[in-house]
Amino acid sequence: MSHVPSVAVLPASYRSAESQIRKALRLLDYHPRRKDILLKPNVVTSPHWLPLGGTPKAAITDVRFIEALLRIFSDYEITIAEGALASCDTEQVLEETGVAALARRYGAQVVNLEEAERFEVDWRFGTLHLPALLRTHEYINLPKLKTHILTGVTLACKNQKGLLRSADKIRCHCELGLHRAIRALADALEPALTIVDGIVGLEGAGPTLGRSRRAGLIIAGRDMAAVDVACCDLISIDLKRVEHLDRVPYRPVGRAVDEMRVSFAAPVTARVANLHIHAAPNACSRCLQSMHDGAAAFWRSPKHIVRGTWSCILRRTDVIMGDVTEVPPEARGRVICYGNCAQSLSEAYDLPLIPGCPPSEDAHLALY
């Protein structure tokens, strides 16, 4: 009989995170084999509040969760590494979220993966350039418990995409197919341990446009795919919505899945004010984040607030992202094509285009 991986499922708050993660490590009998540890959280952007929708704090691995790991592995040399969304400045994101300050306080290193030294590995689509830290450090994946408008969920397997260069991230979306790329990356790279921050998760149109949802969970395991499947079961997301995951067996330890199950709202068409966002499967999170950045610029511009009150608040506007050939039938308002990938649709239907990869804040303001 083949080995069935264990997945630790435990209740937790941020106050109890350290003790519950320690318990999870005991249940899994996990001990780092290397003196150097690489923590890869999900810190893709800086959360911010906007009057009609913003990025909640639940969009990123909580700093308190990361701090618990720094305390648990205080006898080890810790490096925290992240590469934010391509439309964001990673250094700025790490400062604004408090990750950089936390690392300084605990004597940990912080690495901007956009500038990291890399080495080549073979994968299904040729050659992949991965951070050289993976050769020297014990790699621990720290995803957030989130749903995702393009992939159903964004958990451990998808969090690994943050290890890639910007050019490879774009290729995953626009050329390879996001689900195929995530699966291939999981075949090429497996963390020593995955620990999911499910204390406060994100439901709905993630990765940044969703809503905070308290789940009170820590999920951990050595088998990344098993952890992701357990997370889907715990938040009641049908695996048919998550093409990069197959049903794999796992053995819950700690608490039973049925005992801890919650229902997260499935990802739907994203909406900001009366902007209805239709993201094709080949669209990327760069354009989704551009919508956030543009919305923040909108609220800083009195001229555009006046215009936008009619065009995007009182009036419905449908924004189409990605390379598609037809206007979605559910698009019932003023239709705008957003980003260079949607240019062919713009030309075919004579629709307005907001250009860019992704569109700049100034280009975004042409929506209003």
Protein backbone atom coordinates (compact mmCIF):
# COMPACT_ATOMS: atom_id res chain seq x y z
CA MET A 1 0.00 0.00 0.00
CA SER A 2 1.41 3.39 -1.00
CA HIS A 3 2.14 6.01 1.63
CA VAL A 4 -0.70 8.45 2.35
CA PRO A 5 0.68 11.84 3.37
CA SER A 6 -0.40 13.42 6.64
CA VAL A 7 -1.91 16.91 6.69
CA ALA A 8 -2.13 18.71 10.03
CA VAL A 9 -5.43 20.58 10.51
CA LEU A 10 -5.64 22.71 13.64
CA PRO A 11 -7.75 25.60 14.96
CA ALA A 12 -5.82 28.80 15.59
CA SER A 13 -5.92 32.53 16.10
CA TYR A 14 -2.97 34.84 15.54
CA ARG A 15 -2.50 34.88 19.30
CA SER A 16 -2.15 31.08 19.36
CA ALA A 17 -0.40 30.73 15.98
CA GLU A 18 3.03 29.93 17.40
CA SER A 19 1.84 27.18 19.75
CA GLN A 20 -0.44 25.65 17.11
CA ILE A 21 2.26 25.65 14.43
CA ARG A 22 4.59 23.97 16.93
CA LYS A 23 1.89 21.35 17.50
CA ALA A 24 1.51 20.85 13.74
CA LEU A 25 5.27 20.28 13.41
CA ARG A 26 5.13 17.66 16.18
CA LEU A 27 2.19 15.91 14.51
CA LEU A 28 4.14 15.81 11.25
CA ASP A 29 7.42 14.91 13.01
CA TYR A 30 9.07 17.68 11.04
CA HIS A 31 12.62 18.85 11.76
CA PRO A 32 14.59 21.01 9.30
CA ARG A 33 17.54 19.19 7.75
CA ARG A 34 19.41 22.37 6.89
CA LYS A 35 20.67 25.19 9.07
CA ASP A 36 19.43 27.79 6.59
CA ILE A 37 15.68 28.15 6.04
CA LEU A 38 13.88 29.95 3.21
CA LEU A 39 10.37 31.20 4.00
CA LYS A 40 8.25 32.02 0.93
CA PRO A 41 5.05 33.82 2.06
CA ASN A 42 2.34 35.23 -0.20
CA VAL A 43 3.00 38.99 -0.04
CA VAL A 44 2.01 40.00 -3.55
CA THR A 45 0.93 43.58 -2.88
CA SER A 46 0.29 46.15 -0.15
CA PRO A 47 -3.24 45.93 1.28
CA HIS A 48 -5.10 49.22 1.21
CA TRP A 49 -8.62 50.46 1.84
CA LEU A 50 -10.65 52.21 -0.85
CA PRO A 51 -14.17 53.66 -0.48
CA LEU A 52 -15.69 51.22 -2.98
CA GLY A 53 -13.39 48.27 -2.60
CA GLY A 54 -9.69 47.74 -1.94
CA THR A 55 -7.20 45.02 -1.07
CA PRO A 56 -7.88 43.61 2.39
CA LYS A 57 -5.12 42.49 4.74
CA ALA A 58 -6.36 38.93 4.23
CA ALA A 59 -4.85 39.00 0.71
CA ILE A 60 -1.36 38.32 2.11
CA THR A 61 0.29 35.97 4.59
CA ASP A 62 -0.13 37.80 7.88
CA VAL A 63 2.99 39.30 9.46
CA ARG A 64 1.98 37.72 12.78
CA PHE A 65 2.01 34.32 11.10
CA ILE A 66 5.48 34.93 9.68
CA GLU A 67 6.64 36.13 13.11
CA ALA A 68 5.49 32.85 14.65
CA LEU A 69 7.79 30.99 12.24
CA LEU A 70 10.70 33.30 13.05
CA ARG A 71 10.26 32.50 16.73
CA ILE A 72 9.88 28.76 16.15
CA PHE A 73 13.03 28.59 14.00
CA SER A 74 15.02 31.09 16.05
CA ASP A 75 18.03 28.74 16.12
CA TYR A 76 18.25 28.74 12.33
CA GLU A 77 19.39 31.29 9.75
CA ILE A 78 16.15 32.58 8.18
CA THR A 79 15.64 34.21 4.81
CA ILE A 80 12.25 35.61 3.76
CA ALA A 81 11.95 35.83 -0.01
CA GLU A 82 9.21 37.27 -2.19
CA GLY A 83 8.58 38.74 -5.61
CA ALA A 84 5.49 40.96 -5.64
CA LEU A 85 3.13 41.42 -8.57
CA ALA A 86 4.93 42.84 -11.58
CA SER A 87 2.99 46.10 -11.30
CA CYS A 88 4.29 46.55 -7.73
CA ASP A 89 7.67 47.51 -6.30
CA THR A 90 8.70 44.48 -4.23
CA GLU A 91 10.95 46.49 -1.91
CA GLN A 92 8.12 48.93 -1.25
CA VAL A 93 5.61 46.13 -0.66
CA LEU A 94 7.90 44.43 1.86
CA GLU A 95 8.33 47.71 3.73
CA GLU A 96 4.65 48.72 3.65
CA THR A 97 3.43 45.32 4.85
CA GLY A 98 5.86 45.26 7.77
CA VAL A 99 7.73 42.17 6.54
CA ALA A 100 11.03 44.02 6.17
CA ALA A 101 10.77 45.58 9.64
CA LEU A 102 9.88 42.20 11.13
CA ALA A 103 12.93 40.61 9.52
CA ARG A 104 15.20 43.35 10.86
CA ARG A 105 13.81 42.86 14.35
CA TYR A 106 14.56 39.12 14.29
CA GLY A 107 17.84 39.32 12.39
CA ALA A 108 16.44 37.55 9.33
CA GLN A 109 17.44 38.27 5.76
CA VAL A 110 14.98 39.61 3.19
CA VAL A 111 15.45 38.84 -0.50
CA ASN A 112 13.68 40.54 -3.38
CA LEU A 113 13.22 37.66 -5.81
CA GLU A 114 13.19 40.07 -8.73
CA GLU A 115 16.91 40.58 -8.08
CA ALA A 116 17.87 37.11 -6.80
CA GLU A 117 20.67 35.00 -8.27
CA ARG A 118 19.20 32.07 -10.21
CA PHE A 119 20.07 28.62 -11.54
CA GLU A 120 18.60 26.58 -14.39
CA VAL A 121 16.42 23.49 -14.03
CA ASP A 122 14.54 21.46 -16.59
CA TRP A 123 10.77 21.45 -16.54
CA ARG A 124 7.95 20.46 -18.86
CA PHE A 125 8.30 23.62 -20.93
CA GLY A 126 12.07 23.72 -21.35
CA THR A 127 14.35 25.57 -18.95
CA LEU A 128 13.27 27.34 -15.79
CA HIS A 129 15.31 29.84 -13.78
CA LEU A 130 14.80 29.38 -10.04
CA PRO A 131 16.31 31.29 -7.09
CA ALA A 132 19.73 29.93 -6.10
CA LEU A 133 18.54 30.03 -2.48
CA LEU A 134 16.65 26.80 -3.17
CA ARG A 135 19.99 25.03 -3.49
CA THR A 136 21.27 26.10 -0.08
CA HIS A 137 18.15 26.60 2.06
CA GLU A 138 15.35 24.43 3.44
CA TYR A 139 12.35 25.76 1.53
CA ILE A 140 9.12 26.31 3.49
CA ASN A 141 6.06 27.49 1.57
CA LEU A 142 3.75 29.88 3.52
CA PRO A 143 0.66 30.51 1.37
CA LYS A 144 -2.55 32.27 2.34
CA LEU A 145 -5.91 30.50 2.31
CA LYS A 146 -7.52 32.26 -0.66
CA THR A 147 -9.83 31.75 -3.58
CA HIS A 148 -8.79 33.09 -7.00
CA ILE A 149 -10.84 34.40 -9.89
CA LEU A 150 -8.65 32.66 -12.51
CA THR A 151 -7.59 29.42 -10.82
CA GLY A 152 -10.31 28.70 -8.25
CA VAL A 153 -7.85 28.87 -5.36
CA THR A 154 -4.38 30.28 -4.77
CA LEU A 155 -2.65 28.07 -2.23
CA ALA A 156 0.74 26.36 -2.01
CA CYS A 157 1.12 25.22 -5.62
CA LYS A 158 0.26 28.63 -7.02
CA ASN A 159 2.29 30.48 -4.38
CA GLN A 160 5.38 28.93 -5.98
CA LYS A 161 4.80 31.11 -9.05
CA GLY A 162 6.15 33.97 -6.93
CA LEU A 163 9.58 32.30 -7.17
CA LEU A 164 9.71 32.94 -10.92
CA ARG A 165 11.14 35.84 -12.90
CA SER A 166 8.61 38.39 -14.15
CA ALA A 167 9.03 37.20 -17.73
CA ASP A 168 8.28 33.61 -16.72
CA LYS A 169 5.22 34.69 -14.72
CA ILE A 170 3.82 36.44 -17.78
CA ARG A 171 4.60 33.40 -19.92
CA CYS A 172 2.63 31.20 -17.48
CA HIS A 173 -0.45 33.33 -18.04
CA CYS A 174 -0.23 34.30 -21.69
CA GLU A 175 1.51 31.37 -23.37
CA LEU A 176 1.55 28.18 -21.32
CA GLY A 177 -1.85 28.25 -19.66
CA LEU A 178 -1.89 29.06 -15.97
CA HIS A 179 -3.16 25.71 -14.67
CA ARG A 180 -0.68 23.74 -16.81
CA ALA A 181 2.18 25.97 -15.67
CA ILE A 182 1.28 25.66 -11.97
CA ARG A 183 1.09 21.88 -12.26
CA ALA A 184 4.41 21.70 -14.12
CA LEU A 185 6.09 23.91 -11.51
CA ALA A 186 4.78 21.62 -8.75
CA ASP A 187 6.30 18.65 -10.60
CA ALA A 188 9.63 20.45 -10.81
CA LEU A 189 9.78 21.82 -7.26
CA GLU A 190 8.47 20.57 -3.91
CA PRO A 191 8.97 22.46 -0.62
CA ALA A 192 10.21 20.63 2.44
CA LEU A 193 7.11 21.86 4.26
CA THR A 194 3.95 23.84 3.55
CA ILE A 195 2.14 25.79 6.27
CA VAL A 196 -1.02 27.64 5.24
CA ASP A 197 -2.17 30.79 7.01
CA GLY A 198 -5.88 30.03 7.15
CA ILE A 199 -6.62 32.03 10.28
CA VAL A 200 -8.19 34.82 8.24
CA GLY A 201 -8.57 33.89 4.58
CA LEU A 202 -9.85 35.60 1.44
CA GLU A 203 -13.01 34.49 -0.35
CA GLY A 204 -14.60 35.56 -3.61
CA ALA A 205 -12.72 37.23 -6.45
CA GLY A 206 -9.16 36.86 -5.19
CA PRO A 207 -6.20 37.16 -5.28
CA THR A 208 -6.72 40.78 -4.19
CA LEU A 209 -10.34 41.74 -4.86
CA GLY A 210 -11.99 39.30 -2.47
CA ARG A 211 -13.40 39.64 1.03
CA SER A 212 -11.83 38.70 4.35
CA ARG A 213 -13.20 35.53 5.92
CA ARG A 214 -12.22 34.22 9.34
CA ALA A 215 -11.61 30.49 9.10
CA GLY A 216 -9.44 29.95 12.21
CA LEU A 217 -7.26 27.32 10.56
CA ILE A 218 -3.66 26.24 10.24
CA ILE A 219 -3.04 23.57 7.61
CA ALA A 220 0.41 22.00 7.23
CA GLY A 221 2.10 19.08 5.53
CA ARG A 222 5.14 17.81 3.66
CA ASP A 223 3.15 16.97 0.52
CA MET A 224 2.19 20.27 -1.15
CA ALA A 225 -0.57 18.87 -3.38
CA ALA A 226 -2.16 17.02 -0.45
CA VAL A 227 -2.16 20.25 1.58
CA ASP A 228 -3.87 22.13 -1.25
CA VAL A 229 -6.51 19.43 -1.67
CA ALA A 230 -7.17 19.45 2.07
CA CYS A 231 -7.55 23.25 1.94
CA CYS A 232 -10.12 22.96 -0.85
CA ASP A 233 -12.04 20.41 1.21
CA LEU A 234 -11.86 22.63 4.28
CA ILE A 235 -13.28 25.70 2.50
CA SER A 236 -15.79 23.70 0.39
CA ILE A 237 -14.28 24.51 -3.01
CA ASP A 238 -15.03 21.86 -5.66
CA LEU A 239 -11.79 20.52 -7.16
CA LYS A 240 -13.44 20.67 -10.59
CA ARG A 241 -12.87 24.43 -10.37
CA VAL A 242 -9.14 23.90 -9.74
CA GLU A 243 -7.67 22.33 -12.86
CA HIS A 244 -4.09 22.24 -11.57
CA LEU A 245 -5.08 19.89 -8.71
CA ASP A 246 -6.04 16.23 -8.79
CA ARG A 247 -7.82 14.45 -5.98
CA VAL A 248 -5.03 12.85 -3.94
CA PRO A 249 -5.47 10.92 -0.69
CA TYR A 250 -4.31 12.44 2.57
CA ARG A 251 -4.61 11.63 6.29
CA PRO A 252 -5.79 14.51 8.50
CA VAL A 253 -4.03 14.72 11.85
CA GLY A 254 -5.03 17.05 14.66
CA ARG A 255 -8.67 17.73 13.78
CA ALA A 256 -11.04 16.10 11.28
CA VAL A 257 -11.85 18.01 8.10
CA ASP A 258 -15.60 17.76 8.69
CA GLU A 259 -15.13 19.24 12.15
CA MET A 260 -13.28 22.30 10.83
CA ARG A 261 -14.98 22.83 7.46
CA VAL A 262 -16.18 26.30 6.45
CA SER A 263 -17.75 27.52 3.21
CA PHE A 264 -15.86 30.14 1.24
CA ALA A 265 -17.73 31.99 -1.50
CA ALA A 266 -16.52 30.70 -4.85
CA PRO A 267 -14.69 33.17 -7.10
CA VAL A 268 -17.03 35.09 -9.38
CA THR A 269 -16.75 38.04 -11.74
CA ALA A 270 -14.85 40.73 -9.86
CA ARG A 271 -16.54 44.05 -9.18
CA VAL A 272 -15.28 47.43 -8.03
CA ALA A 273 -18.06 50.01 -7.63
CA ASN A 274 -20.07 49.48 -10.84
CA LEU A 275 -17.05 48.20 -12.76
CA HIS A 276 -17.67 44.55 -13.63
CA ILE A 277 -14.40 42.80 -14.46
CA HIS A 278 -14.38 39.82 -16.83
CA ALA A 279 -10.95 38.13 -16.64
CA ALA A 280 -10.31 35.47 -19.27
CA PRO A 281 -8.35 32.34 -18.20
CA ASN A 282 -5.27 33.70 -19.98
CA ALA A 283 -5.49 37.08 -18.24
CA CYS A 284 -2.95 37.73 -15.51
CA SER A 285 -3.00 39.23 -12.05
CA ARG A 286 -0.93 42.18 -13.31
CA CYS A 287 -4.04 43.66 -14.92
CA LEU A 288 -6.15 42.83 -11.86
CA GLN A 289 -3.66 44.67 -9.67
CA SER A 290 -3.61 47.52 -12.18
CA MET A 291 -7.34 47.93 -11.52
CA HIS A 292 -6.55 48.42 -7.83
CA ASP A 293 -3.75 50.87 -8.48
CA GLY A 294 -5.93 52.78 -10.93
CA ALA A 295 -8.82 52.88 -8.48
CA ALA A 296 -6.52 54.41 -5.88
CA ALA A 297 -5.45 57.03 -8.43
CA PHE A 298 -9.12 57.68 -9.20
CA TRP A 299 -9.84 58.65 -5.60
CA ARG A 300 -6.90 61.07 -5.66
CA SER A 301 -8.30 62.94 -8.67
CA PRO A 302 -11.37 65.18 -8.06
CA LYS A 303 -11.85 65.57 -11.82
CA HIS A 304 -12.09 61.83 -12.35
CA ILE A 305 -14.30 61.32 -9.29
CA VAL A 306 -16.86 63.65 -10.88
CA ARG A 307 -16.64 61.86 -14.21
CA GLY A 308 -16.53 58.39 -12.67
CA THR A 309 -19.61 58.95 -10.52
CA TRP A 310 -21.60 58.72 -13.75
CA SER A 311 -19.48 56.35 -15.84
CA CYS A 312 -18.52 53.73 -13.25
CA ILE A 313 -20.74 54.20 -10.21
CA LEU A 314 -24.21 55.22 -11.41
CA ARG A 315 -23.64 53.56 -14.77
CA ARG A 316 -22.45 50.00 -15.38
CA THR A 317 -19.13 49.45 -17.14
CA ASP A 318 -17.86 45.99 -18.15
CA VAL A 319 -14.07 45.60 -18.32
CA ILE A 320 -12.66 42.69 -20.34
CA MET A 321 -9.14 41.38 -19.66
CA GLY A 322 -7.20 38.73 -21.53
CA ASP A 323 -6.99 37.43 -25.10
CA VAL A 324 -10.59 36.56 -26.04
CA THR A 325 -12.46 36.60 -29.34
CA GLU A 326 -15.97 37.48 -28.16
CA VAL A 327 -17.61 39.82 -25.69
CA PRO A 328 -18.97 37.80 -22.74
CA PRO A 329 -22.78 37.56 -22.94
CA GLU A 330 -23.09 38.76 -19.33
CA ALA A 331 -21.43 42.07 -20.23
CA ARG A 332 -24.47 44.35 -20.22
CA GLY A 333 -22.99 47.83 -19.76
CA ARG A 334 -20.44 50.02 -21.47
CA VAL A 335 -17.71 47.59 -22.62
CA ILE A 336 -14.02 48.50 -22.27
CA CYS A 337 -11.04 46.31 -23.26
CA TYR A 338 -8.25 46.43 -20.69
CA GLY A 339 -4.60 45.65 -21.34
CA ASN A 340 -2.67 44.73 -24.46
CA CYS A 341 -3.96 41.15 -24.47
CA ALA A 342 -7.48 42.47 -25.22
CA GLN A 343 -6.38 44.56 -28.20
CA SER A 344 -7.61 42.08 -30.82
CA LEU A 345 -11.09 42.10 -29.26
CA SER A 346 -11.02 45.90 -29.21
CA GLU A 347 -10.19 45.99 -32.91
CA ALA A 348 -12.71 43.32 -33.89
CA TYR A 349 -15.64 44.99 -32.12
CA ASP A 350 -14.46 48.61 -32.32
CA LEU A 351 -14.35 48.86 -28.52
CA PRO A 352 -12.33 51.35 -26.45
CA LEU A 353 -8.96 49.99 -25.29
CA ILE A 354 -6.98 50.86 -22.15
CA PRO A 355 -3.47 49.90 -23.36
CA GLY A 356 -0.53 48.61 -21.34
CA CYS A 357 0.99 45.45 -19.89
CA PRO A 358 -0.37 46.23 -17.42
CA PRO A 359 -2.02 49.63 -17.95
CA SER A 360 -0.45 52.48 -15.99
CA GLU A 361 -2.40 54.56 -13.52
CA ASP A 362 -2.71 57.35 -16.10
CA ALA A 363 -3.98 54.92 -18.73
CA HIS A 364 -6.44 53.45 -16.23
CA LEU A 365 -7.98 56.85 -15.57
CA ALA A 366 -9.26 56.88 -19.16
CA LEU A 367 -11.96 54.50 -17.89
CA TYR A 368 -13.74 57.42 -16.23
